């Protein structure tokens, strides 16, 4: 089987970037110390420098657009269920009593 991907917390990523930027340590040294790849640290540093509001969304954290899409899909599903229930109710109540 393949190698399992590590998942890092936002705090972990921020601390790794802090070691590089604020302490001026080489990326190779920080990568070796943390047991991560240098290219991964380069990406985290770049995202941090781009000034993104949340440079490391991480697992479970959705962008505002994705969150809105998720909410709209949930609402759409609920409304379809309501519609289907009402269709069945109309069918039941519109039948002639026997």
PDB file of N, CA and C in Angstrom:
ATOM      1  N   UNK A   1       0.836  -1.192   0.000  1.00  0.00           N
ATOM      2  CA  UNK A   1       0.000   0.000   0.000  1.00  0.00           C
ATOM      3  C   UNK A   1       0.878   1.252   0.000  1.00  0.00           C
ATOM      4  N   UNK A   2       0.246   2.380  -0.239  1.00  0.00           N
ATOM      5  CA  UNK A   2       0.966   3.643  -0.295  1.00  0.00           C
ATOM      6  C   UNK A   2       1.234   4.215   1.083  1.00  0.00           C
ATOM      7  N   UNK A   3       2.047   5.208   1.095  1.00  0.00           N
ATOM      8  CA  UNK A   3       2.390   5.879   2.339  1.00  0.00           C
ATOM      9  C   UNK A   3       1.251   6.804   2.748  1.00  0.00           C
ATOM     10  N   UNK A   4       0.905   6.799   4.028  1.00  0.00           N
ATOM     11  CA  UNK A   4      -0.177   7.645   4.528  1.00  0.00           C
ATOM     12  C   UNK A   4       0.303   9.095   4.618  1.00  0.00           C
ATOM     13  N   UNK A   5      -0.546  10.012   4.150  1.00  0.00           N
ATOM     14  CA  UNK A   5      -0.199  11.441   4.198  1.00  0.00           C
ATOM     15  C   UNK A   5      -0.352  11.972   5.609  1.00  0.00           C
ATOM     16  N   UNK A   6       0.607  12.767   6.023  1.00  0.00           N
ATOM     17  CA  UNK A   6       0.505  13.428   7.322  1.00  0.00           C
ATOM     18  C   UNK A   6      -0.420  14.621   7.205  1.00  0.00           C
ATOM     19  N   UNK A   7      -1.167  14.873   8.269  1.00  0.00           N
ATOM     20  CA  UNK A   7      -2.010  16.061   8.317  1.00  0.00           C
ATOM     21  C   UNK A   7      -1.511  16.925   9.470  1.00  0.00           C
ATOM     22  N   UNK A   8      -1.210  18.165   9.152  1.00  0.00           N
ATOM     23  CA  UNK A   8      -0.641  19.072  10.132  1.00  0.00           C
ATOM     24  C   UNK A   8      -1.680  20.112  10.533  1.00  0.00           C
ATOM     25  N   UNK A   9      -1.663  20.476  11.794  1.00  0.00           N
ATOM     26  CA  UNK A   9      -2.594  21.495  12.274  1.00  0.00           C
ATOM     27  C   UNK A   9      -2.129  22.867  11.807  1.00  0.00           C
ATOM     28  N   UNK A  10      -3.041  23.805  11.848  1.00  0.00           N
ATOM     29  CA  UNK A  10      -2.730  25.183  11.468  1.00  0.00           C
ATOM     30  C   UNK A  10      -1.628  25.737  12.376  1.00  0.00           C
ATOM     31  N   UNK A  11      -1.717  25.435  13.661  1.00  0.00           N
ATOM     32  CA  UNK A  11      -0.733  25.932  14.624  1.00  0.00           C
ATOM     33  C   UNK A  11       0.663  25.389  14.312  1.00  0.00           C
ATOM     34  N   UNK A  12       0.718  24.122  13.945  1.00  0.00           N
ATOM     35  CA  UNK A  12       1.991  23.486  13.600  1.00  0.00           C
ATOM     36  C   UNK A  12       2.625  24.197  12.405  1.00  0.00           C
ATOM     37  N   UNK A  13       1.820  24.471  11.379  1.00  0.00           N
ATOM     38  CA  UNK A  13       2.313  25.133  10.172  1.00  0.00           C
ATOM     39  C   UNK A  13       2.803  26.544  10.485  1.00  0.00           C
ATOM     40  N   UNK A  14       2.031  27.257  11.294  1.00  0.00           N
ATOM     41  CA  UNK A  14       2.416  28.630  11.656  1.00  0.00           C
ATOM     42  C   UNK A  14       3.728  28.623  12.426  1.00  0.00           C
ATOM     43  N   UNK A  15       3.876  27.675  13.338  1.00  0.00           N
ATOM     44  CA  UNK A  15       5.112  27.588  14.122  1.00  0.00           C
ATOM     45  C   UNK A  15       6.299  27.250  13.219  1.00  0.00           C
ATOM     46  N   UNK A  16       6.103  26.365  12.258  1.00  0.00           N
ATOM     47  CA  UNK A  16       7.182  26.010  11.332  1.00  0.00           C
ATOM     48  C   UNK A  16       7.615  27.234  10.524  1.00  0.00           C
ATOM     49  N   UNK A  17       6.652  27.998  10.033  1.00  0.00           N
ATOM     50  CA  UNK A  17       6.968  29.208   9.265  1.00  0.00           C
ATOM     51  C   UNK A  17       7.649  30.237  10.162  1.00  0.00           C
ATOM     52  N   UNK A  18       7.219  30.334  11.407  1.00  0.00           N
ATOM     53  CA  UNK A  18       7.830  31.273  12.349  1.00  0.00           C
ATOM     54  C   UNK A  18       9.311  30.954  12.552  1.00  0.00           C
ATOM     55  N   UNK A  19       9.637  29.671  12.661  1.00  0.00           N
ATOM     56  CA  UNK A  19      11.039  29.275  12.831  1.00  0.00           C
ATOM     57  C   UNK A  19      11.889  29.748  11.654  1.00  0.00           C
ATOM     58  N   UNK A  20      11.315  29.714  10.470  1.00  0.00           N
ATOM     59  CA  UNK A  20      12.050  30.112   9.262  1.00  0.00           C
ATOM     60  C   UNK A  20      12.142  31.629   9.152  1.00  0.00           C
ATOM     61  N   UNK A  21      11.010  32.301   9.333  1.00  0.00           N
ATOM     62  CA  UNK A  21      10.949  33.745   9.085  1.00  0.00           C
ATOM     63  C   UNK A  21      11.519  34.546  10.252  1.00  0.00           C
ATOM     64  N   UNK A  22      11.003  34.317  11.444  1.00  0.00           N
ATOM     65  CA  UNK A  22      11.393  35.151  12.582  1.00  0.00           C
ATOM     66  C   UNK A  22      12.757  34.781  13.152  1.00  0.00           C
ATOM     67  N   UNK A  23      13.065  33.491  13.180  1.00  0.00           N
ATOM     68  CA  UNK A  23      14.353  33.077  13.737  1.00  0.00           C
ATOM     69  C   UNK A  23      15.439  32.992  12.673  1.00  0.00           C
ATOM     70  N   UNK A  24      15.032  33.124  11.408  1.00  0.00           N
ATOM     71  CA  UNK A  24      16.003  33.129  10.317  1.00  0.00           C
ATOM     72  C   UNK A  24      16.712  31.803  10.098  1.00  0.00           C
ATOM     73  N   UNK A  25      16.088  30.722  10.499  1.00  0.00           N
ATOM     74  CA  UNK A  25      16.717  29.413  10.336  1.00  0.00           C
ATOM     75  C   UNK A  25      16.518  28.902   8.914  1.00  0.00           C
ATOM     76  N   UNK A  26      17.485  28.184   8.387  1.00  0.00           N
ATOM     77  CA  UNK A  26      17.357  27.647   7.023  1.00  0.00           C
ATOM     78  C   UNK A  26      16.219  26.625   6.938  1.00  0.00           C
ATOM     79  N   UNK A  27      15.558  26.623   5.790  1.00  0.00           N
ATOM     80  CA  UNK A  27      14.443  25.696   5.590  1.00  0.00           C
ATOM     81  C   UNK A  27      14.917  24.256   5.724  1.00  0.00           C
ATOM     82  N   UNK A  28      16.098  23.963   5.218  1.00  0.00           N
ATOM     83  CA  UNK A  28      16.609  22.586   5.292  1.00  0.00           C
ATOM     84  C   UNK A  28      16.758  22.129   6.744  1.00  0.00           C
ATOM     85  N   UNK A  29      17.229  23.029   7.592  1.00  0.00           N
ATOM     86  CA  UNK A  29      17.408  22.702   9.013  1.00  0.00           C
ATOM     87  C   UNK A  29      16.058  22.458   9.693  1.00  0.00           C
ATOM     88  N   UNK A  30      15.092  23.342   9.439  1.00  0.00           N
ATOM     89  CA  UNK A  30      13.761  23.208  10.045  1.00  0.00           C
ATOM     90  C   UNK A  30      13.081  21.939   9.539  1.00  0.00           C
ATOM     91  N   UNK A  31      13.220  21.655   8.248  1.00  0.00           N
ATOM     92  CA  UNK A  31      12.619  20.447   7.674  1.00  0.00           C
ATOM     93  C   UNK A  31      13.195  19.199   8.329  1.00  0.00           C
ATOM     94  N   UNK A  32      14.492  19.167   8.501  1.00  0.00           N
ATOM     95  CA  UNK A  32      15.150  18.018   9.131  1.00  0.00           C
ATOM     96  C   UNK A  32      14.686  17.869  10.579  1.00  0.00           C
ATOM     97  N   UNK A  33      14.618  18.987  11.291  1.00  0.00           N
ATOM     98  CA  UNK A  33      14.208  18.969  12.700  1.00  0.00           C
ATOM     99  C   UNK A  33      12.758  18.505  12.868  1.00  0.00           C
ATOM    100  N   UNK A  34      11.879  18.963  11.973  1.00  0.00           N
ATOM    101  CA  UNK A  34      10.456  18.628  12.090  1.00  0.00           C
ATOM    102  C   UNK A  34      10.088  17.329  11.376  1.00  0.00           C
ATOM    103  N   UNK A  35      10.988  16.827  10.548  1.00  0.00           N
ATOM    104  CA  UNK A  35      10.699  15.600   9.816  1.00  0.00           C
ATOM    105  C   UNK A  35       9.739  15.807   8.656  1.00  0.00           C
ATOM    106  N   UNK A  36       9.772  16.997   8.073  1.00  0.00           N
ATOM    107  CA  UNK A  36       8.919  17.293   6.918  1.00  0.00           C
ATOM    108  C   UNK A  36       9.805  17.554   5.704  1.00  0.00           C
ATOM    109  N   UNK A  37       9.180  17.637   4.554  1.00  0.00           N
ATOM    110  CA  UNK A  37       9.923  17.928   3.338  1.00  0.00           C
ATOM    111  C   UNK A  37      10.171  19.423   3.189  1.00  0.00           C
ATOM    112  N   UNK A  38      11.274  19.759   2.535  1.00  0.00           N
ATOM    113  CA  UNK A  38      11.592  21.166   2.320  1.00  0.00           C
ATOM    114  C   UNK A  38      10.567  21.838   1.420  1.00  0.00           C
ATOM    115  N   UNK A  39      10.092  21.114   0.405  1.00  0.00           N
ATOM    116  CA  UNK A  39       9.116  21.716  -0.513  1.00  0.00           C
ATOM    117  C   UNK A  39       7.823  22.065   0.219  1.00  0.00           C
ATOM    118  N   UNK A  40       7.458  21.250   1.195  1.00  0.00           N
ATOM    119  CA  UNK A  40       6.260  21.527   1.985  1.00  0.00           C
ATOM    120  C   UNK A  40       6.438  22.822   2.784  1.00  0.00           C
ATOM    121  N   UNK A  41       7.602  22.986   3.389  1.00  0.00           N
ATOM    122  CA  UNK A  41       7.872  24.215   4.147  1.00  0.00           C
ATOM    123  C   UNK A  41       7.912  25.430   3.223  1.00  0.00           C
ATOM    124  N   UNK A  42       8.443  25.266   2.019  1.00  0.00           N
ATOM    125  CA  UNK A  42       8.441  26.371   1.047  1.00  0.00           C
ATOM    126  C   UNK A  42       7.004  26.796   0.736  1.00  0.00           C
ATOM    127  N   UNK A  43       6.117  25.810   0.534  1.00  0.00           N
ATOM    128  CA  UNK A  43       4.708  26.120   0.235  1.00  0.00           C
ATOM    129  C   UNK A  43       4.055  26.849   1.400  1.00  0.00           C
ATOM    130  N   UNK A  44       4.278  26.366   2.627  1.00  0.00           N
ATOM    131  CA  UNK A  44       3.672  27.010   3.796  1.00  0.00           C
ATOM    132  C   UNK A  44       4.173  28.443   3.931  1.00  0.00           C
ATOM    133  N   UNK A  45       5.465  28.641   3.708  1.00  0.00           N
ATOM    134  CA  UNK A  45       6.050  29.985   3.809  1.00  0.00           C
ATOM    135  C   UNK A  45       5.455  30.900   2.746  1.00  0.00           C
ATOM    136  N   UNK A  46       5.326  30.392   1.522  1.00  0.00           N
ATOM    137  CA  UNK A  46       4.768  31.193   0.427  1.00  0.00           C
ATOM    138  C   UNK A  46       3.333  31.604   0.740  1.00  0.00           C
ATOM    139  N   UNK A  47       2.514  30.659   1.218  1.00  0.00           N
ATOM    140  CA  UNK A  47       1.128  30.979   1.557  1.00  0.00           C
ATOM    141  C   UNK A  47       1.078  32.029   2.659  1.00  0.00           C
ATOM    142  N   UNK A  48       1.964  31.909   3.609  1.00  0.00           N
ATOM    143  CA  UNK A  48       2.006  32.873   4.705  1.00  0.00           C
ATOM    144  C   UNK A  48       2.389  34.259   4.196  1.00  0.00           C
ATOM    145  N   UNK A  49       3.340  34.325   3.282  1.00  0.00           N
ATOM    146  CA  UNK A  49       3.792  35.605   2.734  1.00  0.00           C
ATOM    147  C   UNK A  49       2.757  36.251   1.827  1.00  0.00           C
ATOM    148  N   UNK A  50       1.873  35.443   1.234  1.00  0.00           N
ATOM    149  CA  UNK A  50       0.839  35.986   0.352  1.00  0.00           C
ATOM    150  C   UNK A  50      -0.216  36.753   1.128  1.00  0.00           C
ATOM    151  N   UNK A  51      -0.166  36.663   2.443  1.00  0.00           N
ATOM    152  CA  UNK A  51      -1.090  37.430   3.277  1.00  0.00           C
ATOM    153  C   UNK A  51      -2.520  36.945   3.217  1.00  0.00           C
ATOM    154  N   UNK A  52      -2.692  35.678   2.976  1.00  0.00           N
ATOM    155  CA  UNK A  52      -4.048  35.141   2.951  1.00  0.00           C
ATOM    156  C   UNK A  52      -4.630  35.193   4.354  1.00  0.00           C
ATOM    157  N   UNK A  53      -5.945  35.406   4.426  1.00  0.00           N
ATOM    158  CA  UNK A  53      -6.605  35.489   5.727  1.00  0.00           C
ATOM    159  C   UNK A  53      -6.351  34.227   6.525  1.00  0.00           C
ATOM    160  N   UNK A  54      -6.556  33.084   5.895  1.00  0.00           N
ATOM    161  CA  UNK A  54      -6.285  31.811   6.543  1.00  0.00           C
ATOM    162  C   UNK A  54      -5.427  30.994   5.586  1.00  0.00           C
ATOM    163  N   UNK A  55      -4.110  31.155   5.656  1.00  0.00           N
ATOM    164  CA  UNK A  55      -3.253  30.501   4.684  1.00  0.00           C
ATOM    165  C   UNK A  55      -3.272  28.984   4.773  1.00  0.00           C
ATOM    166  N   UNK A  56      -3.710  28.460   5.902  1.00  0.00           N
ATOM    167  CA  UNK A  56      -3.720  27.019   6.100  1.00  0.00           C
ATOM    168  C   UNK A  56      -5.108  26.576   6.535  1.00  0.00           C
ATOM    169  N   UNK A  57      -6.049  26.426   5.592  1.00  0.00           N
ATOM    170  CA  UNK A  57      -7.407  26.065   5.991  1.00  0.00           C
ATOM    171  C   UNK A  57      -7.469  24.760   6.758  1.00  0.00           C
ATOM    172  N   UNK A  58      -6.644  23.801   6.427  1.00  0.00           N
ATOM    173  CA  UNK A  58      -6.603  22.570   7.188  1.00  0.00           C
ATOM    174  C   UNK A  58      -7.866  21.743   7.065  1.00  0.00           C
ATOM    175  N   UNK A  59      -7.848  20.614   7.705  1.00  0.00           N
ATOM    176  CA  UNK A  59      -8.968  19.678   7.642  1.00  0.00           C
ATOM    177  C   UNK A  59     -10.164  20.259   8.386  1.00  0.00           C
ATOM    178  N   UNK A  60     -11.331  20.176   7.745  1.00  0.00           N
ATOM    179  CA  UNK A  60     -12.545  20.614   8.407  1.00  0.00           C
ATOM    180  C   UNK A  60     -12.855  22.089   8.285  1.00  0.00           C
ATOM    181  N   UNK A  61     -11.962  22.848   7.765  1.00  0.00           N
ATOM    182  CA  UNK A  61     -12.166  24.290   7.639  1.00  0.00           C
ATOM    183  C   UNK A  61     -12.463  24.613   6.181  1.00  0.00           C
ATOM    184  N   UNK A  62     -13.652  25.140   5.908  1.00  0.00           N
ATOM    185  CA  UNK A  62     -14.052  25.436   4.536  1.00  0.00           C
ATOM    186  C   UNK A  62     -13.924  26.922   4.247  1.00  0.00           C
ATOM    187  N   UNK A  63     -13.671  27.230   2.998  1.00  0.00           N
ATOM    188  CA  UNK A  63     -13.678  28.629   2.586  1.00  0.00           C
ATOM    189  C   UNK A  63     -15.117  29.130   2.670  1.00  0.00           C
ATOM    190  N   UNK A  64     -15.332  30.444   2.754  1.00  0.00           N
ATOM    191  CA  UNK A  64     -16.709  30.961   2.838  1.00  0.00           C
ATOM    192  C   UNK A  64     -17.585  30.498   1.678  1.00  0.00           C
ATOM    193  N   UNK A  65     -17.014  30.420   0.474  1.00  0.00           N
ATOM    194  CA  UNK A  65     -17.796  29.973  -0.682  1.00  0.00           C
ATOM    195  C   UNK A  65     -18.193  28.508  -0.542  1.00  0.00           C
ATOM    196  N   UNK A  66     -17.257  27.680  -0.095  1.00  0.00           N
ATOM    197  CA  UNK A  66     -17.554  26.259   0.084  1.00  0.00           C
ATOM    198  C   UNK A  66     -18.569  26.045   1.200  1.00  0.00           C
ATOM    199  N   UNK A  67     -18.457  26.841   2.248  1.00  0.00           N
ATOM    200  CA  UNK A  67     -19.418  26.738   3.351  1.00  0.00           C
ATOM    201  C   UNK A  67     -20.819  27.114   2.875  1.00  0.00           C
ATOM    202  N   UNK A  68     -20.919  28.183   2.079  1.00  0.00           N
ATOM    203  CA  UNK A  68     -22.224  28.591   1.549  1.00  0.00           C
ATOM    204  C   UNK A  68     -22.789  27.508   0.627  1.00  0.00           C
ATOM    205  N   UNK A  69     -21.944  26.942  -0.217  1.00  0.00           N
ATOM    206  CA  UNK A  69     -22.379  25.872  -1.112  1.00  0.00           C
ATOM    207  C   UNK A  69     -22.884  24.671  -0.314  1.00  0.00           C
ATOM    208  N   UNK A  70     -22.172  24.315   0.728  1.00  0.00           N
ATOM    209  CA  UNK A  70     -22.584  23.199   1.585  1.00  0.00           C
ATOM    210  C   UNK A  70     -23.940  23.477   2.213  1.00  0.00           C
ATOM    211  N   UNK A  71     -24.113  24.690   2.705  1.00  0.00           N
ATOM    212  CA  UNK A  71     -25.374  25.084   3.339  1.00  0.00           C
ATOM    213  C   UNK A  71     -26.522  25.066   2.322  1.00  0.00           C
ATOM    214  N   UNK A  72     -26.287  25.574   1.120  1.00  0.00           N
ATOM    215  CA  UNK A  72     -27.328  25.590   0.086  1.00  0.00           C
ATOM    216  C   UNK A  72     -27.706  24.175  -0.356  1.00  0.00           C
ATOM    217  N   UNK A  73     -26.730  23.308  -0.456  1.00  0.00           N
ATOM    218  CA  UNK A  73     -27.028  21.915  -0.819  1.00  0.00           C
ATOM    219  C   UNK A  73     -27.864  21.234   0.262  1.00  0.00           C
ATOM    220  N   UNK A  74     -27.532  21.501   1.505  1.00  0.00           N
ATOM    221  CA  UNK A  74     -28.300  20.929   2.617  1.00  0.00           C
ATOM    222  C   UNK A  74     -29.741  21.435   2.587  1.00  0.00           C
ATOM    223  N   UNK A  75     -29.907  22.741   2.363  1.00  0.00           N
ATOM    224  CA  UNK A  75     -31.245  23.329   2.290  1.00  0.00           C
ATOM    225  C   UNK A  75     -32.021  22.765   1.097  1.00  0.00           C
ATOM    226  N   UNK A  76     -31.350  22.609  -0.030  1.00  0.00           N
ATOM    227  CA  UNK A  76     -31.978  22.048  -1.223  1.00  0.00           C
ATOM    228  C   UNK A  76     -32.471  20.627  -0.946  1.00  0.00           C
ATOM    229  N   UNK A  77     -31.671  19.837  -0.283  1.00  0.00           N
ATOM    230  CA  UNK A  77     -32.058  18.466   0.056  1.00  0.00           C
ATOM    231  C   UNK A  77     -33.290  18.457   0.960  1.00  0.00           C
ATOM    232  N   UNK A  78     -33.297  19.339   1.963  1.00  0.00           N
ATOM    233  CA  UNK A  78     -34.428  19.419   2.887  1.00  0.00           C
ATOM    234  C   UNK A  78     -35.704  19.826   2.151  1.00  0.00           C
ATOM    235  N   UNK A  79     -35.609  20.804   1.256  1.00  0.00           N
ATOM    236  CA  UNK A  79     -36.777  21.262   0.509  1.00  0.00           C
ATOM    237  C   UNK A  79     -37.306  20.183  -0.439  1.00  0.00           C
ATOM    238  N   UNK A  80     -36.420  19.416  -1.040  1.00  0.00           N
ATOM    239  CA  UNK A  80     -36.867  18.310  -1.906  1.00  0.00           C
ATOM    240  C   UNK A  80     -37.625  17.264  -1.090  1.00  0.00           C
ATOM    241  N   UNK A  81     -37.124  16.987   0.099  1.00  0.00           N
ATOM    242  CA  UNK A  81     -37.812  16.017   0.956  1.00  0.00           C
ATOM    243  C   UNK A  81     -39.201  16.527   1.336  1.00  0.00           C
ATOM    244  N   UNK A  82     -39.296  17.803   1.694  1.00  0.00           N
ATOM    245  CA  UNK A  82     -40.597  18.392   2.036  1.00  0.00           C
ATOM    246  C   UNK A  82     -41.554  18.292   0.851  1.00  0.00           C
ATOM    247  N   UNK A  83     -41.059  18.617  -0.334  1.00  0.00           N
ATOM    248  CA  UNK A  83     -41.881  18.543  -1.541  1.00  0.00           C
ATOM    249  C   UNK A  83     -42.394  17.125  -1.771  1.00  0.00           C
ATOM    250  N   UNK A  84     -41.517  16.143  -1.634  1.00  0.00           N
ATOM    251  CA  UNK A  84     -41.915  14.751  -1.852  1.00  0.00           C
ATOM    252  C   UNK A  84     -42.966  14.307  -0.839  1.00  0.00           C
ATOM    253  N   UNK A  85     -42.809  14.730   0.405  1.00  0.00           N
ATOM    254  CA  UNK A  85     -43.794  14.383   1.440  1.00  0.00           C
ATOM    255  C   UNK A  85     -45.142  15.014   1.115  1.00  0.00           C
ATOM    256  N   UNK A  86     -45.127  16.277   0.702  1.00  0.00           N
ATOM    257  CA  UNK A  86     -46.382  16.953   0.365  1.00  0.00           C
ATOM    258  C   UNK A  86     -47.054  16.310  -0.850  1.00  0.00           C
ATOM    259  N   UNK A  87     -46.277  15.882  -1.832  1.00  0.00           N
ATOM    260  CA  UNK A  87     -46.851  15.192  -2.993  1.00  0.00           C
ATOM    261  C   UNK A  87     -47.563  13.912  -2.556  1.00  0.00           C
ATOM    262  N   UNK A  88     -46.932  13.165  -1.673  1.00  0.00           N
ATOM    263  CA  UNK A  88     -47.540  11.927  -1.186  1.00  0.00           C
ATOM    264  C   UNK A  88     -48.803  12.221  -0.391  1.00  0.00           C
ATOM    265  N   UNK A  89     -48.758  13.268   0.421  1.00  0.00           N
ATOM    266  CA  UNK A  89     -49.928  13.626   1.230  1.00  0.00           C
ATOM    267  C   UNK A  89     -51.097  14.024   0.340  1.00  0.00           C
ATOM    268  N   UNK A  90     -50.845  14.793  -0.698  1.00  0.00           N
ATOM    269  CA  UNK A  90     -51.908  15.189  -1.631  1.00  0.00           C
ATOM    270  C   UNK A  90     -52.505  13.950  -2.275  1.00  0.00           C
ATOM    271  N   UNK A  91     -51.670  13.011  -2.661  1.00  0.00           N
ATOM    272  CA  UNK A  91     -52.154  11.775  -3.267  1.00  0.00           C
ATOM    273  C   UNK A  91     -53.023  10.973  -2.315  1.00  0.00           C
ATOM    274  N   UNK A  92     -52.638  10.921  -1.060  1.00  0.00           N
ATOM    275  CA  UNK A  92     -53.405  10.164  -0.064  1.00  0.00           C
ATOM    276  C   UNK A  92     -54.738  10.843   0.224  1.00  0.00           C
ATOM    277  N   UNK A  93     -54.722  12.147   0.438  1.00  0.00           N
ATOM    278  CA  UNK A  93     -55.941  12.858   0.826  1.00  0.00           C
ATOM    279  C   UNK A  93     -56.892  13.112  -0.343  1.00  0.00           C
ATOM    280  N   UNK A  94     -56.410  13.014  -1.560  1.00  0.00           N
ATOM    281  CA  UNK A  94     -57.289  13.265  -2.706  1.00  0.00           C
ATOM    282  C   UNK A  94     -58.012  12.001  -3.183  1.00  0.00           C
ATOM    283  N   UNK A  95     -57.667  10.865  -2.637  1.00  0.00           N
ATOM    284  CA  UNK A  95     -58.352   9.625  -3.011  1.00  0.00           C
ATOM    285  C   UNK A  95     -59.761   9.617  -2.434  1.00  0.00           C
ATOM    286  N   UNK A  96     -60.670   9.032  -3.187  1.00  0.00           N
ATOM    287  CA  UNK A  96     -62.064   8.902  -2.735  1.00  0.00           C
ATOM    288  C   UNK A  96     -62.127   7.846  -1.637  1.00  0.00           C
ATOM    289  N   UNK A  97     -62.889   8.111  -0.590  1.00  0.00           N
ATOM    290  CA  UNK A  97     -63.039   7.076   0.447  1.00  0.00           C
ATOM    291  C   UNK A  97     -63.805   5.886  -0.116  1.00  0.00           C
ATOM    292  N   UNK A  98     -63.468   4.713   0.323  1.00  0.00           N
ATOM    293  CA  UNK A  98     -64.117   3.509  -0.212  1.00  0.00           C
ATOM    294  C   UNK A  98     -65.179   2.970   0.682  1.00  0.00           C
TER     295      UNK A  98
END
